[in-house]
Amino acid sequence: MNPKETCPKKILDAMQKLNTKWRGFYASFNAGTFPLSELPNFANDFDEIVFEFCESIHEAEEELEK
């Protein structure tokens, strides 16, 4: 089953944003180029993205219940 056919666009967009943020962090951290002084900013950004993702899922669930 293709997620693009079965998953609401809001969730797909949120998943993409989450994936992009994580991959950027992971790549730079593993390469040793991520400044540790930026870790709090990354954590805040990542927290907001995860919150948006959870909201998207909740909204999609509500739409399915209608």
PDB file of N, CA and C in Angstrom:
ATOM      1  N   MET A   1       0.841  -1.172   0.000  1.00  0.00           N
ATOM      2  CA  MET A   1       0.000   0.000   0.000  1.00  0.00           C
ATOM      3  C   MET A   1       0.894   1.246   0.000  1.00  0.00           C
ATOM      4  N   ASN A   2       0.604   2.159  -0.864  1.00  0.00           N
ATOM      5  CA  ASN A   2       1.402   3.375  -1.000  1.00  0.00           C
ATOM      6  C   ASN A   2       0.918   4.426   0.004  1.00  0.00           C
ATOM      7  N   PRO A   3       1.803   4.907   0.906  1.00  0.00           N
ATOM      8  CA  PRO A   3       1.372   5.907   1.892  1.00  0.00           C
ATOM      9  C   PRO A   3       0.814   7.173   1.248  1.00  0.00           C
ATOM     10  N   LYS A   4       1.316   7.534   0.073  1.00  0.00           N
ATOM     11  CA  LYS A   4       0.839   8.748  -0.580  1.00  0.00           C
ATOM     12  C   LYS A   4      -0.618   8.624  -0.993  1.00  0.00           C
ATOM     13  N   GLU A   5      -1.092   7.397  -1.153  1.00  0.00           N
ATOM     14  CA  GLU A   5      -2.482   7.171  -1.552  1.00  0.00           C
ATOM     15  C   GLU A   5      -3.411   7.038  -0.349  1.00  0.00           C
ATOM     16  N   THR A   6      -2.874   6.651   0.801  1.00  0.00           N
ATOM     17  CA  THR A   6      -3.728   6.346   1.943  1.00  0.00           C
ATOM     18  C   THR A   6      -3.568   7.308   3.122  1.00  0.00           C
ATOM     19  N   CYS A   7      -2.531   8.079   3.141  1.00  0.00           N
ATOM     20  CA  CYS A   7      -2.228   8.950   4.270  1.00  0.00           C
ATOM     21  C   CYS A   7      -2.586  10.396   3.929  1.00  0.00           C
ATOM     22  N   PRO A   8      -3.274  11.092   4.846  1.00  0.00           N
ATOM     23  CA  PRO A   8      -3.605  12.495   4.582  1.00  0.00           C
ATOM     24  C   PRO A   8      -2.354  13.338   4.327  1.00  0.00           C
ATOM     25  N   LYS A   9      -2.477  14.315   3.457  1.00  0.00           N
ATOM     26  CA  LYS A   9      -1.351  15.165   3.061  1.00  0.00           C
ATOM     27  C   LYS A   9      -0.708  15.857   4.265  1.00  0.00           C
ATOM     28  N   LYS A  10      -1.506  16.291   5.223  1.00  0.00           N
ATOM     29  CA  LYS A  10      -0.959  16.952   6.409  1.00  0.00           C
ATOM     30  C   LYS A  10       0.058  16.057   7.121  1.00  0.00           C
ATOM     31  N   ILE A  11      -0.268  14.780   7.226  1.00  0.00           N
ATOM     32  CA  ILE A  11       0.621  13.855   7.921  1.00  0.00           C
ATOM     33  C   ILE A  11       1.877  13.618   7.093  1.00  0.00           C
ATOM     34  N   LEU A  12       1.710  13.451   5.784  1.00  0.00           N
ATOM     35  CA  LEU A  12       2.872  13.259   4.924  1.00  0.00           C
ATOM     36  C   LEU A  12       3.808  14.459   4.977  1.00  0.00           C
ATOM     37  N   ASP A  13       3.244  15.657   4.963  1.00  0.00           N
ATOM     38  CA  ASP A  13       4.065  16.867   5.045  1.00  0.00           C
ATOM     39  C   ASP A  13       4.813  16.937   6.374  1.00  0.00           C
ATOM     40  N   ALA A  14       4.112  16.607   7.448  1.00  0.00           N
ATOM     41  CA  ALA A  14       4.739  16.632   8.773  1.00  0.00           C
ATOM     42  C   ALA A  14       5.835  15.566   8.872  1.00  0.00           C
ATOM     43  N   MET A  15       5.589  14.395   8.297  1.00  0.00           N
ATOM     44  CA  MET A  15       6.598  13.338   8.304  1.00  0.00           C
ATOM     45  C   MET A  15       7.841  13.764   7.522  1.00  0.00           C
ATOM     46  N   GLN A  16       7.627  14.421   6.401  1.00  0.00           N
ATOM     47  CA  GLN A  16       8.752  14.874   5.584  1.00  0.00           C
ATOM     48  C   GLN A  16       9.585  15.917   6.332  1.00  0.00           C
ATOM     49  N   LYS A  17       8.899  16.826   7.003  1.00  0.00           N
ATOM     50  CA  LYS A  17       9.591  17.872   7.764  1.00  0.00           C
ATOM     51  C   LYS A  17      10.410  17.243   8.901  1.00  0.00           C
ATOM     52  N   LEU A  18       9.818  16.288   9.583  1.00  0.00           N
ATOM     53  CA  LEU A  18      10.495  15.591  10.667  1.00  0.00           C
ATOM     54  C   LEU A  18      11.705  14.828  10.137  1.00  0.00           C
ATOM     55  N   ASN A  19      11.531  14.128   9.048  1.00  0.00           N
ATOM     56  CA  ASN A  19      12.607  13.354   8.440  1.00  0.00           C
ATOM     57  C   ASN A  19      13.754  14.255   7.986  1.00  0.00           C
ATOM     58  N   THR A  20      13.426  15.361   7.350  1.00  0.00           N
ATOM     59  CA  THR A  20      14.448  16.294   6.861  1.00  0.00           C
ATOM     60  C   THR A  20      15.265  16.864   8.013  1.00  0.00           C
ATOM     61  N   LYS A  21      14.582  17.291   9.067  1.00  0.00           N
ATOM     62  CA  LYS A  21      15.280  17.872  10.226  1.00  0.00           C
ATOM     63  C   LYS A  21      16.203  16.841  10.869  1.00  0.00           C
ATOM     64  N   TRP A  22      15.693  15.610  11.053  1.00  0.00           N
ATOM     65  CA  TRP A  22      16.487  14.574  11.696  1.00  0.00           C
ATOM     66  C   TRP A  22      17.695  14.195  10.848  1.00  0.00           C
ATOM     67  N   ARG A  23      17.488  14.006   9.544  1.00  0.00           N
ATOM     68  CA  ARG A  23      18.587  13.601   8.666  1.00  0.00           C
ATOM     69  C   ARG A  23      19.688  14.667   8.633  1.00  0.00           C
ATOM     70  N   GLY A  24      19.293  15.938   8.621  1.00  0.00           N
ATOM     71  CA  GLY A  24      20.284  17.016   8.633  1.00  0.00           C
ATOM     72  C   GLY A  24      21.121  16.987   9.898  1.00  0.00           C
ATOM     73  N   PHE A  25      20.436  16.807  11.022  1.00  0.00           N
ATOM     74  CA  PHE A  25      21.152  16.727  12.301  1.00  0.00           C
ATOM     75  C   PHE A  25      22.064  15.501  12.333  1.00  0.00           C
ATOM     76  N   TYR A  26      21.517  14.362  11.974  1.00  0.00           N
ATOM     77  CA  TYR A  26      22.257  13.100  12.040  1.00  0.00           C
ATOM     78  C   TYR A  26      23.521  13.151  11.177  1.00  0.00           C
ATOM     79  N   ALA A  27      23.366  13.653   9.969  1.00  0.00           N
ATOM     80  CA  ALA A  27      24.518  13.722   9.054  1.00  0.00           C
ATOM     81  C   ALA A  27      25.596  14.653   9.587  1.00  0.00           C
ATOM     82  N   SER A  28      25.206  15.827  10.049  1.00  0.00           N
ATOM     83  CA  SER A  28      26.210  16.774  10.534  1.00  0.00           C
ATOM     84  C   SER A  28      26.814  16.318  11.867  1.00  0.00           C
ATOM     85  N   PHE A  29      26.019  15.671  12.713  1.00  0.00           N
ATOM     86  CA  PHE A  29      26.542  15.171  13.983  1.00  0.00           C
ATOM     87  C   PHE A  29      27.565  14.062  13.736  1.00  0.00           C
ATOM     88  N   ASN A  30      27.236  13.138  12.851  1.00  0.00           N
ATOM     89  CA  ASN A  30      28.163  12.044  12.545  1.00  0.00           C
ATOM     90  C   ASN A  30      29.423  12.535  11.856  1.00  0.00           C
ATOM     91  N   ALA A  31      29.306  13.603  11.085  1.00  0.00           N
ATOM     92  CA  ALA A  31      30.473  14.154  10.399  1.00  0.00           C
ATOM     93  C   ALA A  31      31.321  15.016  11.328  1.00  0.00           C
ATOM     94  N   GLY A  32      30.807  15.277  12.525  1.00  0.00           N
ATOM     95  CA  GLY A  32      31.534  16.099  13.484  1.00  0.00           C
ATOM     96  C   GLY A  32      31.444  17.584  13.190  1.00  0.00           C
ATOM     97  N   THR A  33      30.470  17.973  12.381  1.00  0.00           N
ATOM     98  CA  THR A  33      30.343  19.388  12.024  1.00  0.00           C
ATOM     99  C   THR A  33      29.184  20.080  12.741  1.00  0.00           C
ATOM    100  N   PHE A  34      28.450  19.346  13.559  1.00  0.00           N
ATOM    101  CA  PHE A  34      27.333  19.964  14.277  1.00  0.00           C
ATOM    102  C   PHE A  34      27.860  20.636  15.537  1.00  0.00           C
ATOM    103  N   PRO A  35      27.694  21.946  15.642  1.00  0.00           N
ATOM    104  CA  PRO A  35      28.189  22.635  16.848  1.00  0.00           C
ATOM    105  C   PRO A  35      27.302  22.311  18.055  1.00  0.00           C
ATOM    106  N   LEU A  36      27.894  21.806  19.087  1.00  0.00           N
ATOM    107  CA  LEU A  36      27.115  21.426  20.266  1.00  0.00           C
ATOM    108  C   LEU A  36      26.392  22.609  20.889  1.00  0.00           C
ATOM    109  N   SER A  37      26.878  23.806  20.642  1.00  0.00           N
ATOM    110  CA  SER A  37      26.184  24.989  21.169  1.00  0.00           C
ATOM    111  C   SER A  37      24.815  25.161  20.507  1.00  0.00           C
ATOM    112  N   GLU A  38      24.617  24.520  19.357  1.00  0.00           N
ATOM    113  CA  GLU A  38      23.331  24.600  18.660  1.00  0.00           C
ATOM    114  C   GLU A  38      22.352  23.510  19.085  1.00  0.00           C
ATOM    115  N   LEU A  39      22.794  22.606  19.939  1.00  0.00           N
ATOM    116  CA  LEU A  39      21.942  21.497  20.358  1.00  0.00           C
ATOM    117  C   LEU A  39      20.629  21.964  21.004  1.00  0.00           C
ATOM    118  N   PRO A  40      20.638  22.970  21.888  1.00  0.00           N
ATOM    119  CA  PRO A  40      19.356  23.437  22.442  1.00  0.00           C
ATOM    120  C   PRO A  40      18.408  23.973  21.360  1.00  0.00           C
ATOM    121  N   ASN A  41      18.951  24.680  20.382  1.00  0.00           N
ATOM    122  CA  ASN A  41      18.105  25.201  19.304  1.00  0.00           C
ATOM    123  C   ASN A  41      17.529  24.058  18.477  1.00  0.00           C
ATOM    124  N   PHE A  42      18.369  23.073  18.181  1.00  0.00           N
ATOM    125  CA  PHE A  42      17.891  21.911  17.445  1.00  0.00           C
ATOM    126  C   PHE A  42      16.789  21.214  18.229  1.00  0.00           C
ATOM    127  N   ALA A  43      17.002  21.030  19.524  1.00  0.00           N
ATOM    128  CA  ALA A  43      16.013  20.343  20.358  1.00  0.00           C
ATOM    129  C   ALA A  43      14.682  21.085  20.346  1.00  0.00           C
ATOM    130  N   ASN A  44      14.727  22.407  20.434  1.00  0.00           N
ATOM    131  CA  ASN A  44      13.487  23.197  20.397  1.00  0.00           C
ATOM    132  C   ASN A  44      12.788  23.068  19.049  1.00  0.00           C
ATOM    133  N   ASP A  45      13.557  23.173  17.979  1.00  0.00           N
ATOM    134  CA  ASP A  45      12.981  23.033  16.643  1.00  0.00           C
ATOM    135  C   ASP A  45      12.382  21.649  16.450  1.00  0.00           C
ATOM    136  N   PHE A  46      13.126  20.637  16.877  1.00  0.00           N
ATOM    137  CA  PHE A  46      12.670  19.261  16.708  1.00  0.00           C
ATOM    138  C   PHE A  46      11.401  19.027  17.530  1.00  0.00           C
ATOM    139  N   ASP A  47      11.364  19.582  18.725  1.00  0.00           N
ATOM    140  CA  ASP A  47      10.184  19.465  19.583  1.00  0.00           C
ATOM    141  C   ASP A  47       8.961  20.068  18.907  1.00  0.00           C
ATOM    142  N   GLU A  48       9.125  21.232  18.300  1.00  0.00           N
ATOM    143  CA  GLU A  48       8.013  21.877  17.592  1.00  0.00           C
ATOM    144  C   GLU A  48       7.546  21.033  16.406  1.00  0.00           C
ATOM    145  N   ILE A  49       8.495  20.462  15.676  1.00  0.00           N
ATOM    146  CA  ILE A  49       8.146  19.632  14.526  1.00  0.00           C
ATOM    147  C   ILE A  49       7.388  18.382  14.976  1.00  0.00           C
ATOM    148  N   VAL A  50       7.843  17.745  16.049  1.00  0.00           N
ATOM    149  CA  VAL A  50       7.159  16.560  16.564  1.00  0.00           C
ATOM    150  C   VAL A  50       5.757  16.935  17.042  1.00  0.00           C
ATOM    151  N   PHE A  51       5.622  18.069  17.690  1.00  0.00           N
ATOM    152  CA  PHE A  51       4.308  18.525  18.148  1.00  0.00           C
ATOM    153  C   PHE A  51       3.379  18.738  16.953  1.00  0.00           C
ATOM    154  N   GLU A  52       3.878  19.388  15.890  1.00  0.00           N
ATOM    155  CA  GLU A  52       3.078  19.595  14.681  1.00  0.00           C
ATOM    156  C   GLU A  52       2.681  18.260  14.061  1.00  0.00           C
ATOM    157  N   PHE A  53       3.593  17.306  14.078  1.00  0.00           N
ATOM    158  CA  PHE A  53       3.316  15.979  13.539  1.00  0.00           C
ATOM    159  C   PHE A  53       2.178  15.322  14.323  1.00  0.00           C
ATOM    160  N   CYS A  54       2.256  15.385  15.642  1.00  0.00           N
ATOM    161  CA  CYS A  54       1.212  14.800  16.488  1.00  0.00           C
ATOM    162  C   CYS A  54      -0.135  15.494  16.267  1.00  0.00           C
ATOM    163  N   GLU A  55      -0.110  16.804  16.132  1.00  0.00           N
ATOM    164  CA  GLU A  55      -1.344  17.534  15.840  1.00  0.00           C
ATOM    165  C   GLU A  55      -1.941  17.098  14.508  1.00  0.00           C
ATOM    166  N   SER A  56      -1.101  16.896  13.517  1.00  0.00           N
ATOM    167  CA  SER A  56      -1.567  16.461  12.201  1.00  0.00           C
ATOM    168  C   SER A  56      -2.251  15.104  12.292  1.00  0.00           C
ATOM    169  N   ILE A  57      -1.667  14.219  13.059  1.00  0.00           N
ATOM    170  CA  ILE A  57      -2.269  12.890  13.233  1.00  0.00           C
ATOM    171  C   ILE A  57      -3.610  13.014  13.938  1.00  0.00           C
ATOM    172  N   HIS A  58      -3.663  13.822  14.970  1.00  0.00           N
ATOM    173  CA  HIS A  58      -4.915  14.013  15.711  1.00  0.00           C
ATOM    174  C   HIS A  58      -5.999  14.598  14.798  1.00  0.00           C
ATOM    175  N   GLU A  59      -5.642  15.601  14.006  1.00  0.00           N
ATOM    176  CA  GLU A  59      -6.600  16.200  13.083  1.00  0.00           C
ATOM    177  C   GLU A  59      -7.076  15.184  12.053  1.00  0.00           C
ATOM    178  N   ALA A  60      -6.179  14.369  11.564  1.00  0.00           N
ATOM    179  CA  ALA A  60      -6.562  13.355  10.578  1.00  0.00           C
ATOM    180  C   ALA A  60      -7.506  12.321  11.205  1.00  0.00           C
ATOM    181  N   GLU A  61      -7.245  11.947  12.445  1.00  0.00           N
ATOM    182  CA  GLU A  61      -8.137  11.020  13.133  1.00  0.00           C
ATOM    183  C   GLU A  61      -9.531  11.606  13.287  1.00  0.00           C
ATOM    184  N   GLU A  62      -9.592  12.897  13.628  1.00  0.00           N
ATOM    185  CA  GLU A  62     -10.886  13.563  13.776  1.00  0.00           C
ATOM    186  C   GLU A  62     -11.632  13.591  12.451  1.00  0.00           C
ATOM    187  N   GLU A  63     -10.917  13.841  11.369  1.00  0.00           N
ATOM    188  CA  GLU A  63     -11.557  13.872  10.058  1.00  0.00           C
ATOM    189  C   GLU A  63     -12.082  12.500   9.669  1.00  0.00           C
ATOM    190  N   LEU A  64     -11.372  11.441  10.035  1.00  0.00           N
ATOM    191  CA  LEU A  64     -11.821  10.092   9.729  1.00  0.00           C
ATOM    192  C   LEU A  64     -13.066   9.705  10.524  1.00  0.00           C
ATOM    193  N   GLU A  65     -13.205  10.277  11.718  1.00  0.00           N
ATOM    194  CA  GLU A  65     -14.357   9.961  12.569  1.00  0.00           C
ATOM    195  C   GLU A  65     -15.640  10.621  12.073  1.00  0.00           C
ATOM    196  N   LYS A  66     -15.507  11.629  11.240  1.00  0.00           N
ATOM    197  CA  LYS A  66     -16.687  12.351  10.763  1.00  0.00           C
ATOM    198  C   LYS A  66     -17.450  11.542   9.755  1.00  0.00           C
TER     199      LYS A  66
END
